[in-house]
Every structure is written in C-alpha cells, then in structure tokens.
Amino acid sequence: MLAAASVLGGPLEEFRSLAQLSSIDLAALKHGQVVVERRPNGDFPRGVSLESGYFLHAPIGVVGEALLHWNPLPHKELEIHHYGEFSMPPAADALKAIRLDPAFPEDNWLLNRTAEVGHGSAAPDLHLTAQETEFLRQKSTNPSAAWQQILHGRAEALARGGLSAVAPYGGDNSISPGSEFRGLLTLAPKAAKHFQSIIKAQPIHSNGAPASEAVGYWEMAKLRGHTTLQLGIFAAQKGDSSWQLVNCVYYPSDTYFMALDLFQLWSVDGGTLVWQVGFVSAPFRSYLGGADRYIAGKQMIQETIDTIKAFRVDVEKRR
C-alpha cells in the first residue's frame, strides 16, 4: 500500500502535471496503450509538436540504455535501411559505412542531385553551405565519400561547440541546427523548462556539464520515396529512478530541417513510465494556411506510434 501511494504521489502525478495529454491511465498504459496527441501549432511556423505517454515492462536502466543504442533496422516498417553509431567526437572512419548505391532505387534521387551539383547546379533541394556545395562539386564522382565527409564535418562541429557551432545553410543561411532547436522548444515551454538539464548539457550545448552518455549516429531513411541521410545525437542524464534523454536529428540532407525528441523516464511499479515530447521542423508553406502542418502532424503521430511499438517489442523481449 505504501508503494502504491508513493507511485500515485510521485512519478504519475508529476507526469500528469507536466503533460498536456487528455487522459493518463497507468493501468491502461501497462496493458499496452500508447497515448499520442498533437500539440497546438504555436508561433514557430516551421514546427510541429506532439506528446506521448506509454509504459514499458522493463527496468529504467534497460529502457534508457536501449533508447541510447537502439538499432531500428530489423523493423522494416520504419523504412530505415542503414544505421550506424559512433562515439563523440567522431573517429576518422566513423561514417565510412555510408554507401549510396545506384542499384538501390531509393538512392538514385540523392545520387542524381549530387551529379547535378557536379555539373554546376546549385541543387536547392539539398541542405548545403556554399563551401559544402563546392566540395560536393569537386567530389561528385565519388558521392558516397563526399557525403561521408560532409556529415563527418558536421558531427565534428557538434562535438567541438554544440548545436550553435554546426553551420547554417540555405540561400540566406537562415536555417541552422541552433535556430531550429530553439524554435521548436518554443512550441512546448513547460517541457523545455523541465528538460533543461539535458538540453543544456554537452554535446547539445557547448557550455553545459557533460551528459552522462552521448551517442552519435547516422541513418539512411526513406522519406518521400527517396533516401535521406540523417545525422543525429542521442544523450542522457541518468539517475536511479529517473532519466532524461534527448534525441536530435540535427542534420538531414534534404526534405526537413530537424527532428527532436525529449524523453522523461520514471521507474514505476517494476517497469518504466515514459513521457515523450516530439518535434519536427520542415519547410511548411504559409500560403496553405496550416494545411501541410496538419497533414505532417497526422503522419508524425502514426510514425511515433509505429516507432514506440517497435521499440517496446525489442525492449520487453529481453525480460
């Protein structure tokens, strides 16, 4: 009885006070319910945000370590066909496994855009600085090696100086990991305040205390029918009964600008209660009056549910 009272007066009540979910029923979550709801649009025009709540029948340390090192490749429904993990700062060969293959149909969109740069095109679809565009032009005959070096340079910049050190891109340099990170957090001010200890930690923030653990990673994912290269960082602040984690895709080669997830883990009743706040930044079109943000929000909800369910399968089968 004392244990039950502690749960009801501790993590569960904290969860309810923080989240903006319409219903949080611990019994339903334990039976497999995944609650995912869209947050209001807010004033950041490139952003979409949602919140999730779920329960995993595994200890908090198992769940946290699995998040940091989860390989999504076995789950074909997530449409990630290559994945790699590396330490920060990245070793010289950390991204050598990235290979664009003309025999793989989804890779051809990026290969064709890279070839266009080699022939003198500006390739506005790609997220490149002027220097990266010139480098890609010079190395376009070996696109895999060129993209390896571009992503490696960005990972090195993050390790050296946090998100603010990673170069902006676009015609007017208005899009950067720093600008997107700050803008997305304005969509959920209560969450941003709650997660200060991890979002102000190194390597996300150059002047913060180091995170308990930080893991760099890259992915080749299918977006809008073609391969997009994604460069991310996963970091955690670990505790005995509570963890905070941040997962940030701070550089996609095209299509969108940033994906960000914040995780609060609580040890509850022999398992782990999870509050997840997710964000995506993309070039939404203002003249559509928010229609594309609405569609993106619905797609984001389904992708979040699919990812949570796949992750839960992998974690709970370890019990």
C-alpha atoms as a PDB file:
ATOM      1  CA  MET A   1       0.000   0.000   0.000  1.00  0.00           C
ATOM      2  CA  LEU A   2       2.828   2.375   0.808  1.00  0.00           C
ATOM      3  CA  ALA A   3       4.476   1.576  -2.524  1.00  0.00           C
ATOM      4  CA  ALA A   4       1.226   2.291  -4.373  1.00  0.00           C
ATOM      5  CA  ALA A   5       0.785   5.582  -2.543  1.00  0.00           C
ATOM      6  CA  SER A   6       4.350   6.545  -3.410  1.00  0.00           C
ATOM      7  CA  VAL A   7       3.691   5.884  -7.091  1.00  0.00           C
ATOM      8  CA  LEU A   8       0.463   7.881  -7.106  1.00  0.00           C
ATOM      9  CA  GLY A   9       2.090  10.778  -5.259  1.00  0.00           C
ATOM     10  CA  GLY A  10       5.321  10.712  -7.243  1.00  0.00           C
ATOM     11  CA  PRO A  11       6.081   9.981 -10.892  1.00  0.00           C
ATOM     12  CA  LEU A  12       2.482   9.569 -12.034  1.00  0.00           C
ATOM     13  CA  GLU A  13       1.404  12.866 -10.525  1.00  0.00           C
ATOM     14  CA  GLU A  14       4.489  14.582 -11.915  1.00  0.00           C
ATOM     15  CA  PHE A  15       3.656  13.155 -15.339  1.00  0.00           C
ATOM     16  CA  ARG A  16       0.093  14.456 -15.111  1.00  0.00           C
ATOM     17  CA  SER A  17       1.294  17.891 -14.024  1.00  0.00           C
ATOM     18  CA  LEU A  18       3.756  18.172 -16.911  1.00  0.00           C
ATOM     19  CA  ALA A  19       1.945  16.607 -19.854  1.00  0.00           C
ATOM     20  CA  GLN A  20      -0.892  18.118 -21.855  1.00  0.00           C
ATOM     21  CA  LEU A  21      -2.446  14.744 -22.644  1.00  0.00           C
ATOM     22  CA  SER A  22      -6.195  14.411 -22.303  1.00  0.00           C
ATOM     23  CA  SER A  23      -6.006  11.135 -20.362  1.00  0.00           C
ATOM     24  CA  ILE A  24      -3.275   9.335 -18.435  1.00  0.00           C
ATOM     25  CA  ASP A  25      -4.388   5.989 -17.029  1.00  0.00           C
ATOM     26  CA  LEU A  26      -1.494   3.961 -15.629  1.00  0.00           C
ATOM     27  CA  ALA A  27      -3.442   0.697 -15.772  1.00  0.00           C
ATOM     28  CA  ALA A  28      -4.249   1.237 -19.465  1.00  0.00           C
ATOM     29  CA  LEU A  29      -0.642   2.151 -20.230  1.00  0.00           C
ATOM     30  CA  LYS A  30       0.524  -1.051 -18.513  1.00  0.00           C
ATOM     31  CA  HIS A  31      -1.838  -3.007 -20.759  1.00  0.00           C
ATOM     32  CA  GLY A  32      -0.167  -1.595 -23.851  1.00  0.00           C
ATOM     33  CA  GLN A  33      -1.954   1.694 -24.514  1.00  0.00           C
ATOM     34  CA  VAL A  34       0.153   4.315 -26.285  1.00  0.00           C
ATOM     35  CA  VAL A  35      -1.250   7.830 -25.925  1.00  0.00           C
ATOM     36  CA  VAL A  36      -0.088  10.240 -28.638  1.00  0.00           C
ATOM     37  CA  GLU A  37      -1.631  13.675 -29.135  1.00  0.00           C
ATOM     38  CA  ARG A  38      -0.805  16.693 -31.257  1.00  0.00           C
ATOM     39  CA  ARG A  39       0.144  19.919 -29.504  1.00  0.00           C
ATOM     40  CA  PRO A  40      -1.063  23.364 -30.684  1.00  0.00           C
ATOM     41  CA  ASN A  41       0.869  24.843 -33.603  1.00  0.00           C
ATOM     42  CA  GLY A  42       2.393  27.744 -31.696  1.00  0.00           C
ATOM     43  CA  ASP A  43       4.264  30.671 -33.233  1.00  0.00           C
ATOM     44  CA  PHE A  44       7.195  28.832 -34.800  1.00  0.00           C
ATOM     45  CA  PRO A  45       5.967  28.485 -38.404  1.00  0.00           C
ATOM     46  CA  ARG A  46       8.292  25.612 -39.356  1.00  0.00           C
ATOM     47  CA  GLY A  47       7.398  23.407 -36.383  1.00  0.00           C
ATOM     48  CA  VAL A  48       5.027  20.600 -35.439  1.00  0.00           C
ATOM     49  CA  SER A  49       4.923  19.069 -31.957  1.00  0.00           C
ATOM     50  CA  LEU A  50       3.219  16.197 -30.156  1.00  0.00           C
ATOM     51  CA  GLU A  51       3.293  14.392 -26.797  1.00  0.00           C
ATOM     52  CA  SER A  52       3.239  10.697 -25.978  1.00  0.00           C
ATOM     53  CA  GLY A  53       2.795   8.552 -22.900  1.00  0.00           C
ATOM     54  CA  TYR A  54       3.481   4.838 -22.585  1.00  0.00           C
ATOM     55  CA  PHE A  55       4.756   2.137 -20.237  1.00  0.00           C
ATOM     56  CA  LEU A  56       7.467  -0.472 -20.733  1.00  0.00           C
ATOM     57  CA  HIS A  57       7.675  -3.653 -18.691  1.00  0.00           C
ATOM     58  CA  ALA A  58      11.418  -3.343 -18.144  1.00  0.00           C
ATOM     59  CA  PRO A  59      13.654  -1.583 -15.586  1.00  0.00           C
ATOM     60  CA  ILE A  60      14.532   2.054 -16.209  1.00  0.00           C
ATOM     61  CA  GLY A  61      18.207   1.295 -16.871  1.00  0.00           C
ATOM     62  CA  VAL A  62      17.314  -1.279 -19.513  1.00  0.00           C
ATOM     63  CA  VAL A  63      14.922   1.139 -21.216  1.00  0.00           C
ATOM     64  CA  GLY A  64      17.357   4.051 -21.117  1.00  0.00           C
ATOM     65  CA  GLU A  65      20.293   2.074 -22.472  1.00  0.00           C
ATOM     66  CA  ALA A  66      18.068   0.587 -25.178  1.00  0.00           C
ATOM     67  CA  LEU A  67      16.999   4.066 -26.283  1.00  0.00           C
ATOM     68  CA  LEU A  68      20.604   5.229 -26.490  1.00  0.00           C
ATOM     69  CA  HIS A  69      21.718   2.253 -28.551  1.00  0.00           C
ATOM     70  CA  TRP A  70      18.592   1.096 -30.371  1.00  0.00           C
ATOM     71  CA  ASN A  71      19.131  -0.298 -33.865  1.00  0.00           C
ATOM     72  CA  PRO A  72      15.878   0.157 -35.848  1.00  0.00           C
ATOM     73  CA  LEU A  73      16.972  -1.854 -38.899  1.00  0.00           C
ATOM     74  CA  PRO A  74      15.056  -5.075 -38.095  1.00  0.00           C
ATOM     75  CA  HIS A  75      11.786  -3.105 -38.235  1.00  0.00           C
ATOM     76  CA  LYS A  76      11.223  -2.698 -41.969  1.00  0.00           C
ATOM     77  CA  GLU A  77       8.040  -0.679 -41.414  1.00  0.00           C
ATOM     78  CA  LEU A  78      10.179   2.219 -40.142  1.00  0.00           C
ATOM     79  CA  GLU A  79      11.884   2.468 -43.556  1.00  0.00           C
ATOM     80  CA  ILE A  80      15.408   2.936 -42.240  1.00  0.00           C
ATOM     81  CA  HIS A  81      17.688   0.807 -44.372  1.00  0.00           C
ATOM     82  CA  HIS A  82      21.134   1.635 -42.949  1.00  0.00           C
ATOM     83  CA  TYR A  83      22.179   2.743 -39.471  1.00  0.00           C
ATOM     84  CA  GLY A  84      25.459   3.341 -37.671  1.00  0.00           C
ATOM     85  CA  GLU A  85      26.509   4.503 -34.222  1.00  0.00           C
ATOM     86  CA  PHE A  86      29.704   6.328 -33.261  1.00  0.00           C
ATOM     87  CA  SER A  87      31.371   7.970 -30.275  1.00  0.00           C
ATOM     88  CA  MET A  88      31.782  11.735 -29.931  1.00  0.00           C
ATOM     89  CA  PRO A  89      33.928  13.278 -31.268  1.00  0.00           C
ATOM     90  CA  PRO A  90      33.739  11.003 -34.307  1.00  0.00           C
ATOM     91  CA  ALA A  91      36.738   8.938 -35.332  1.00  0.00           C
ATOM     92  CA  ALA A  92      38.100   9.497 -38.823  1.00  0.00           C
ATOM     93  CA  ASP A  93      36.332   6.399 -40.157  1.00  0.00           C
ATOM     94  CA  ALA A  94      33.105   6.815 -38.151  1.00  0.00           C
ATOM     95  CA  LEU A  95      30.916   7.247 -41.228  1.00  0.00           C
ATOM     96  CA  LYS A  96      32.773   5.071 -43.730  1.00  0.00           C
ATOM     97  CA  ALA A  97      29.854   2.637 -43.914  1.00  0.00           C
ATOM     98  CA  ILE A  98      27.626   5.209 -45.666  1.00  0.00           C
ATOM     99  CA  ARG A  99      27.188   3.978 -49.245  1.00  0.00           C
ATOM    100  CA  LEU A 100      24.856   5.325 -51.922  1.00  0.00           C
ATOM    101  CA  ASP A 101      24.109   2.503 -54.345  1.00  0.00           C
ATOM    102  CA  PRO A 102      22.663   3.146 -57.835  1.00  0.00           C
ATOM    103  CA  ALA A 103      21.293  -0.417 -57.768  1.00  0.00           C
ATOM    104  CA  PHE A 104      19.064   0.595 -54.858  1.00  0.00           C
ATOM    105  CA  PRO A 105      16.181   2.628 -56.409  1.00  0.00           C
ATOM    106  CA  GLU A 106      15.633   4.907 -53.390  1.00  0.00           C
ATOM    107  CA  ASP A 107      19.274   6.084 -53.504  1.00  0.00           C
ATOM    108  CA  ASN A 108      19.008   7.443 -57.041  1.00  0.00           C
ATOM    109  CA  TRP A 109      17.254  10.690 -56.104  1.00  0.00           C
ATOM    110  CA  LEU A 110      20.215  11.772 -53.936  1.00  0.00           C
ATOM    111  CA  LEU A 111      22.726  10.412 -56.423  1.00  0.00           C
ATOM    112  CA  ASN A 112      21.086  12.408 -59.212  1.00  0.00           C
ATOM    113  CA  ARG A 113      21.048  15.599 -57.145  1.00  0.00           C
ATOM    114  CA  THR A 114      24.717  15.068 -56.310  1.00  0.00           C
ATOM    115  CA  ALA A 115      25.512  14.625 -60.003  1.00  0.00           C
ATOM    116  CA  GLU A 116      23.633  17.862 -60.780  1.00  0.00           C
ATOM    117  CA  VAL A 117      25.873  19.689 -58.325  1.00  0.00           C
ATOM    118  CA  GLY A 118      28.863  18.175 -60.103  1.00  0.00           C
ATOM    119  CA  HIS A 119      27.579  19.654 -63.365  1.00  0.00           C
ATOM    120  CA  GLY A 120      27.286  23.129 -61.853  1.00  0.00           C
ATOM    121  CA  SER A 121      23.741  23.169 -60.472  1.00  0.00           C
ATOM    122  CA  ALA A 122      23.035  24.860 -57.141  1.00  0.00           C
ATOM    123  CA  ALA A 123      20.812  21.899 -56.059  1.00  0.00           C
ATOM    124  CA  PRO A 124      18.422  23.884 -53.836  1.00  0.00           C
ATOM    125  CA  ASP A 125      16.797  20.645 -52.618  1.00  0.00           C
ATOM    126  CA  LEU A 126      19.940  19.777 -50.656  1.00  0.00           C
ATOM    127  CA  HIS A 127      20.905  21.256 -47.287  1.00  0.00           C
ATOM    128  CA  LEU A 128      24.387  22.510 -48.070  1.00  0.00           C
ATOM    129  CA  THR A 129      26.528  25.527 -47.346  1.00  0.00           C
ATOM    130  CA  ALA A 130      28.330  27.225 -50.220  1.00  0.00           C
ATOM    131  CA  GLN A 131      31.537  25.500 -49.124  1.00  0.00           C
ATOM    132  CA  GLU A 132      29.838  22.085 -48.939  1.00  0.00           C
ATOM    133  CA  THR A 133      28.303  22.633 -52.370  1.00  0.00           C
ATOM    134  CA  GLU A 134      31.723  23.356 -53.821  1.00  0.00           C
ATOM    135  CA  PHE A 135      33.197  20.337 -52.059  1.00  0.00           C
ATOM    136  CA  LEU A 136      30.420  18.117 -53.396  1.00  0.00           C
ATOM    137  CA  ARG A 137      31.017  19.538 -56.880  1.00  0.00           C
ATOM    138  CA  GLN A 138      34.695  18.622 -56.703  1.00  0.00           C
ATOM    139  CA  LYS A 139      33.998  15.141 -55.308  1.00  0.00           C
ATOM    140  CA  SER A 140      30.804  14.315 -57.222  1.00  0.00           C
ATOM    141  CA  THR A 141      32.421  11.353 -58.969  1.00  0.00           C
ATOM    142  CA  ASN A 142      32.606   9.646 -55.554  1.00  0.00           C
ATOM    143  CA  PRO A 143      29.301  10.710 -53.944  1.00  0.00           C
ATOM    144  CA  SER A 144      29.449   8.305 -51.011  1.00  0.00           C
ATOM    145  CA  ALA A 145      32.870   9.558 -49.896  1.00  0.00           C
ATOM    146  CA  ALA A 146      31.765  13.169 -50.389  1.00  0.00           C
ATOM    147  CA  TRP A 147      28.673  12.769 -48.223  1.00  0.00           C
ATOM    148  CA  GLN A 148      30.687  10.878 -45.605  1.00  0.00           C
ATOM    149  CA  GLN A 149      32.985  13.877 -45.256  1.00  0.00           C
ATOM    150  CA  ILE A 150      30.159  16.429 -45.190  1.00  0.00           C
ATOM    151  CA  LEU A 151      28.385  14.571 -42.390  1.00  0.00           C
ATOM    152  CA  HIS A 152      31.661  13.939 -40.581  1.00  0.00           C
ATOM    153  CA  GLY A 153      32.447  17.654 -40.613  1.00  0.00           C
ATOM    154  CA  ARG A 154      29.068  18.459 -39.107  1.00  0.00           C
ATOM    155  CA  ALA A 155      29.447  15.802 -36.404  1.00  0.00           C
ATOM    156  CA  GLU A 156      32.886  17.203 -35.543  1.00  0.00           C
ATOM    157  CA  ALA A 157      31.417  20.710 -35.287  1.00  0.00           C
ATOM    158  CA  LEU A 158      28.753  19.496 -32.861  1.00  0.00           C
ATOM    159  CA  ALA A 159      31.342  17.718 -30.698  1.00  0.00           C
ATOM    160  CA  ARG A 160      33.509  20.852 -30.679  1.00  0.00           C
ATOM    161  CA  GLY A 161      30.924  23.546 -29.997  1.00  0.00           C
ATOM    162  CA  GLY A 162      27.393  22.201 -29.650  1.00  0.00           C
ATOM    163  CA  LEU A 163      24.483  22.830 -32.000  1.00  0.00           C
ATOM    164  CA  SER A 164      25.402  26.504 -32.352  1.00  0.00           C
ATOM    165  CA  ALA A 165      28.697  25.507 -33.998  1.00  0.00           C
ATOM    166  CA  VAL A 166      27.040  23.462 -36.773  1.00  0.00           C
ATOM    167  CA  ALA A 167      26.907  25.512 -39.964  1.00  0.00           C
ATOM    168  CA  PRO A 168      23.659  27.044 -41.274  1.00  0.00           C
ATOM    169  CA  TYR A 169      22.521  26.510 -44.836  1.00  0.00           C
ATOM    170  CA  GLY A 170      20.001  27.850 -47.338  1.00  0.00           C
ATOM    171  CA  GLY A 171      20.250  30.809 -49.651  1.00  0.00           C
ATOM    172  CA  ASP A 172      20.300  33.285 -46.766  1.00  0.00           C
ATOM    173  CA  ASN A 173      21.816  30.969 -44.119  1.00  0.00           C
ATOM    174  CA  SER A 174      18.584  31.297 -42.147  1.00  0.00           C
ATOM    175  CA  ILE A 175      18.279  27.599 -41.316  1.00  0.00           C
ATOM    176  CA  SER A 176      20.648  26.142 -38.755  1.00  0.00           C
ATOM    177  CA  PRO A 177      20.530  23.424 -36.112  1.00  0.00           C
ATOM    178  CA  GLY A 178      20.662  26.124 -33.450  1.00  0.00           C
ATOM    179  CA  SER A 179      17.755  28.130 -34.878  1.00  0.00           C
ATOM    180  CA  GLU A 180      15.568  25.052 -35.370  1.00  0.00           C
ATOM    181  CA  PHE A 181      16.304  23.693 -31.886  1.00  0.00           C
ATOM    182  CA  ARG A 182      15.423  26.998 -30.216  1.00  0.00           C
ATOM    183  CA  GLY A 183      12.348  27.490 -32.374  1.00  0.00           C
ATOM    184  CA  LEU A 184      10.969  24.018 -31.751  1.00  0.00           C
ATOM    185  CA  LEU A 185      11.322  24.350 -27.978  1.00  0.00           C
ATOM    186  CA  THR A 186       9.073  27.441 -28.027  1.00  0.00           C
ATOM    187  CA  LEU A 187       6.221  25.105 -29.005  1.00  0.00           C
ATOM    188  CA  ALA A 188       6.392  23.401 -25.593  1.00  0.00           C
ATOM    189  CA  PRO A 189       7.696  25.889 -22.985  1.00  0.00           C
ATOM    190  CA  LYS A 190       6.784  23.733 -19.976  1.00  0.00           C
ATOM    191  CA  ALA A 191       8.637  20.768 -21.445  1.00  0.00           C
ATOM    192  CA  ALA A 192      11.600  22.966 -22.391  1.00  0.00           C
ATOM    193  CA  LYS A 193      11.859  24.099 -18.770  1.00  0.00           C
ATOM    194  CA  HIS A 194      11.537  20.572 -17.418  1.00  0.00           C
ATOM    195  CA  PHE A 195      14.268  19.186 -19.698  1.00  0.00           C
ATOM    196  CA  GLN A 196      16.845  21.930 -19.037  1.00  0.00           C
ATOM    197  CA  SER A 197      19.351  19.505 -17.507  1.00  0.00           C
ATOM    198  CA  ILE A 198      19.686  17.516 -20.730  1.00  0.00           C
ATOM    199  CA  ILE A 199      19.117  20.178 -23.389  1.00  0.00           C
ATOM    200  CA  LYS A 200      21.747  22.398 -21.730  1.00  0.00           C
ATOM    201  CA  ALA A 201      24.249  19.550 -21.450  1.00  0.00           C
ATOM    202  CA  GLN A 202      27.190  18.816 -23.709  1.00  0.00           C
ATOM    203  CA  PRO A 203      27.293  17.996 -26.577  1.00  0.00           C
ATOM    204  CA  ILE A 204      23.979  19.783 -27.317  1.00  0.00           C
ATOM    205  CA  HIS A 205      25.187  22.921 -25.538  1.00  0.00           C
ATOM    206  CA  SER A 206      28.887  23.723 -25.538  1.00  0.00           C
ATOM    207  CA  ASN A 207      28.996  25.401 -22.114  1.00  0.00           C
ATOM    208  CA  GLY A 208      26.961  22.845 -20.196  1.00  0.00           C
ATOM    209  CA  ALA A 209      28.020  19.983 -17.988  1.00  0.00           C
ATOM    210  CA  PRO A 210      28.683  16.790 -19.939  1.00  0.00           C
ATOM    211  CA  ALA A 211      25.749  14.439 -20.376  1.00  0.00           C
ATOM    212  CA  SER A 212      26.048  11.077 -18.614  1.00  0.00           C
ATOM    213  CA  GLU A 213      26.394   9.493 -22.057  1.00  0.00           C
ATOM    214  CA  ALA A 214      26.213  10.761 -25.621  1.00  0.00           C
ATOM    215  CA  VAL A 215      25.965   8.663 -28.765  1.00  0.00           C
ATOM    216  CA  GLY A 216      26.324   9.922 -32.329  1.00  0.00           C
ATOM    217  CA  TYR A 217      24.556   8.104 -35.138  1.00  0.00           C
ATOM    218  CA  TRP A 218      23.727   8.241 -38.833  1.00  0.00           C
ATOM    219  CA  GLU A 219      20.837   6.766 -40.780  1.00  0.00           C
ATOM    220  CA  MET A 220      19.784   6.279 -44.358  1.00  0.00           C
ATOM    221  CA  ALA A 221      15.998   6.578 -44.298  1.00  0.00           C
ATOM    222  CA  LYS A 222      13.287   6.558 -46.940  1.00  0.00           C
ATOM    223  CA  LEU A 223      11.424   9.882 -46.989  1.00  0.00           C
ATOM    224  CA  ARG A 224       9.015  10.862 -49.744  1.00  0.00           C
ATOM    225  CA  GLY A 225      10.130   7.864 -51.748  1.00  0.00           C
ATOM    226  CA  HIS A 226      13.869   8.522 -51.675  1.00  0.00           C
ATOM    227  CA  THR A 227      16.900   8.106 -49.416  1.00  0.00           C
ATOM    228  CA  THR A 228      17.690  10.929 -46.997  1.00  0.00           C
ATOM    229  CA  LEU A 229      20.920  10.939 -44.988  1.00  0.00           C
ATOM    230  CA  GLN A 230      20.320  11.749 -41.333  1.00  0.00           C
ATOM    231  CA  LEU A 231      22.875  12.720 -38.701  1.00  0.00           C
ATOM    232  CA  GLY A 232      21.825  12.614 -35.060  1.00  0.00           C
ATOM    233  CA  ILE A 233      22.867  12.743 -31.431  1.00  0.00           C
ATOM    234  CA  PHE A 234      21.314  10.854 -28.514  1.00  0.00           C
ATOM    235  CA  ALA A 235      22.275  11.962 -24.998  1.00  0.00           C
ATOM    236  CA  ALA A 236      21.144  11.035 -21.490  1.00  0.00           C
ATOM    237  CA  GLN A 237      21.271  12.259 -17.914  1.00  0.00           C
ATOM    238  CA  LYS A 238      20.979   9.110 -15.813  1.00  0.00           C
ATOM    239  CA  GLY A 239      19.576   8.628 -12.317  1.00  0.00           C
ATOM    240  CA  ASP A 240      18.493   5.722 -10.155  1.00  0.00           C
ATOM    241  CA  SER A 241      14.751   6.293 -10.586  1.00  0.00           C
ATOM    242  CA  SER A 242      14.569   8.986 -13.269  1.00  0.00           C
ATOM    243  CA  TRP A 243      16.320   9.563 -16.599  1.00  0.00           C
ATOM    244  CA  GLN A 244      16.138  12.386 -19.120  1.00  0.00           C
ATOM    245  CA  LEU A 245      17.169  11.864 -22.737  1.00  0.00           C
ATOM    246  CA  VAL A 246      17.299  13.916 -25.909  1.00  0.00           C
ATOM    247  CA  ASN A 247      17.361  12.514 -29.433  1.00  0.00           C
ATOM    248  CA  CYS A 248      18.068  15.116 -32.105  1.00  0.00           C
ATOM    249  CA  VAL A 249      18.458  14.592 -35.844  1.00  0.00           C
ATOM    250  CA  TYR A 250      20.295  17.860 -36.369  1.00  0.00           C
ATOM    251  CA  TYR A 251      21.223  17.347 -39.996  1.00  0.00           C
ATOM    252  CA  PRO A 252      19.087  15.721 -42.696  1.00  0.00           C
ATOM    253  CA  SER A 253      20.433  16.011 -46.229  1.00  0.00           C
ATOM    254  CA  ASP A 254      17.036  17.190 -47.540  1.00  0.00           C
ATOM    255  CA  THR A 255      13.216  17.238 -47.082  1.00  0.00           C
ATOM    256  CA  TYR A 256      13.011  18.593 -43.495  1.00  0.00           C
ATOM    257  CA  PHE A 257      15.250  20.537 -41.091  1.00  0.00           C
ATOM    258  CA  MET A 258      15.248  18.835 -37.684  1.00  0.00           C
ATOM    259  CA  ALA A 259      13.618  16.041 -35.680  1.00  0.00           C
ATOM    260  CA  LEU A 260      13.783  16.281 -31.894  1.00  0.00           C
ATOM    261  CA  ASP A 261      12.502  14.010 -29.129  1.00  0.00           C
ATOM    262  CA  LEU A 262      12.714  14.567 -25.373  1.00  0.00           C
ATOM    263  CA  PHE A 263      12.186  11.598 -23.036  1.00  0.00           C
ATOM    264  CA  GLN A 264      11.439  11.548 -19.323  1.00  0.00           C
ATOM    265  CA  LEU A 265      11.713   8.068 -17.816  1.00  0.00           C
ATOM    266  CA  TRP A 266      10.375   7.227 -14.358  1.00  0.00           C
ATOM    267  CA  SER A 267      10.798   3.955 -12.515  1.00  0.00           C
ATOM    268  CA  VAL A 268       7.267   2.852 -11.638  1.00  0.00           C
ATOM    269  CA  ASP A 269       5.923  -0.448 -10.328  1.00  0.00           C
ATOM    270  CA  GLY A 270       8.685  -2.666 -11.672  1.00  0.00           C
ATOM    271  CA  GLY A 271       8.679  -1.006 -15.087  1.00  0.00           C
ATOM    272  CA  THR A 272       9.269   2.353 -16.760  1.00  0.00           C
ATOM    273  CA  LEU A 273       6.778   5.145 -17.378  1.00  0.00           C
ATOM    274  CA  VAL A 274       7.733   7.335 -20.373  1.00  0.00           C
ATOM    275  CA  TRP A 275       6.730  10.869 -21.270  1.00  0.00           C
ATOM    276  CA  GLN A 276       7.963  11.757 -24.764  1.00  0.00           C
ATOM    277  CA  VAL A 277       7.723  15.167 -26.431  1.00  0.00           C
ATOM    278  CA  GLY A 278       8.430  15.137 -30.158  1.00  0.00           C
ATOM    279  CA  PHE A 279       9.089  17.934 -32.645  1.00  0.00           C
ATOM    280  CA  VAL A 280       9.756  18.254 -36.369  1.00  0.00           C
ATOM    281  CA  SER A 281      10.875  21.328 -38.298  1.00  0.00           C
ATOM    282  CA  ALA A 282      10.190  21.463 -42.043  1.00  0.00           C
ATOM    283  CA  PRO A 283       9.617  23.995 -44.858  1.00  0.00           C
ATOM    284  CA  PHE A 284       5.869  24.336 -44.363  1.00  0.00           C
ATOM    285  CA  ARG A 285       4.135  26.712 -46.758  1.00  0.00           C
ATOM    286  CA  SER A 286       2.334  29.640 -45.153  1.00  0.00           C
ATOM    287  CA  TYR A 287       0.018  30.166 -48.134  1.00  0.00           C
ATOM    288  CA  LEU A 288      -1.643  26.805 -47.381  1.00  0.00           C
ATOM    289  CA  GLY A 289      -2.990  28.176 -44.125  1.00  0.00           C
ATOM    290  CA  GLY A 290      -1.543  25.396 -41.993  1.00  0.00           C
ATOM    291  CA  ALA A 291      -2.890  22.501 -44.081  1.00  0.00           C
ATOM    292  CA  ASP A 292       0.521  20.950 -44.641  1.00  0.00           C
ATOM    293  CA  ARG A 293       1.339  21.256 -40.924  1.00  0.00           C
ATOM    294  CA  TYR A 294      -1.896  19.440 -40.150  1.00  0.00           C
ATOM    295  CA  ILE A 295      -1.046  16.631 -42.578  1.00  0.00           C
ATOM    296  CA  ALA A 296       2.501  16.434 -41.240  1.00  0.00           C
ATOM    297  CA  GLY A 297       1.132  16.224 -37.705  1.00  0.00           C
ATOM    298  CA  LYS A 298      -1.079  13.255 -38.569  1.00  0.00           C
ATOM    299  CA  GLN A 299       1.812  11.492 -40.274  1.00  0.00           C
ATOM    300  CA  MET A 300       4.071  12.235 -37.304  1.00  0.00           C
ATOM    301  CA  ILE A 301       1.540  10.698 -34.898  1.00  0.00           C
ATOM    302  CA  GLN A 302       1.425   7.444 -36.856  1.00  0.00           C
ATOM    303  CA  GLU A 303       5.204   7.279 -37.226  1.00  0.00           C
ATOM    304  CA  THR A 304       5.608   7.897 -33.482  1.00  0.00           C
ATOM    305  CA  ILE A 305       3.170   5.098 -32.623  1.00  0.00           C
ATOM    306  CA  ASP A 306       4.930   2.716 -35.031  1.00  0.00           C
ATOM    307  CA  THR A 307       8.338   3.551 -33.555  1.00  0.00           C
ATOM    308  CA  ILE A 308       7.196   3.202 -29.930  1.00  0.00           C
ATOM    309  CA  LYS A 309       5.607  -0.175 -30.629  1.00  0.00           C
ATOM    310  CA  ALA A 310       8.688  -1.450 -32.438  1.00  0.00           C
ATOM    311  CA  PHE A 311      10.948  -0.241 -29.630  1.00  0.00           C
ATOM    312  CA  ARG A 312       8.707  -1.806 -26.981  1.00  0.00           C
ATOM    313  CA  VAL A 313       8.865  -5.184 -28.729  1.00  0.00           C
ATOM    314  CA  ASP A 314      12.657  -5.095 -28.661  1.00  0.00           C
ATOM    315  CA  VAL A 315      12.898  -3.975 -25.017  1.00  0.00           C
ATOM    316  CA  GLU A 316      10.288  -6.250 -23.498  1.00  0.00           C
ATOM    317  CA  LYS A 317      11.535  -9.394 -25.241  1.00  0.00           C
ATOM    318  CA  ARG A 318      14.731  -9.010 -23.196  1.00  0.00           C
ATOM    319  CA  ARG A 319      12.854  -9.653 -19.942  1.00  0.00           C
END
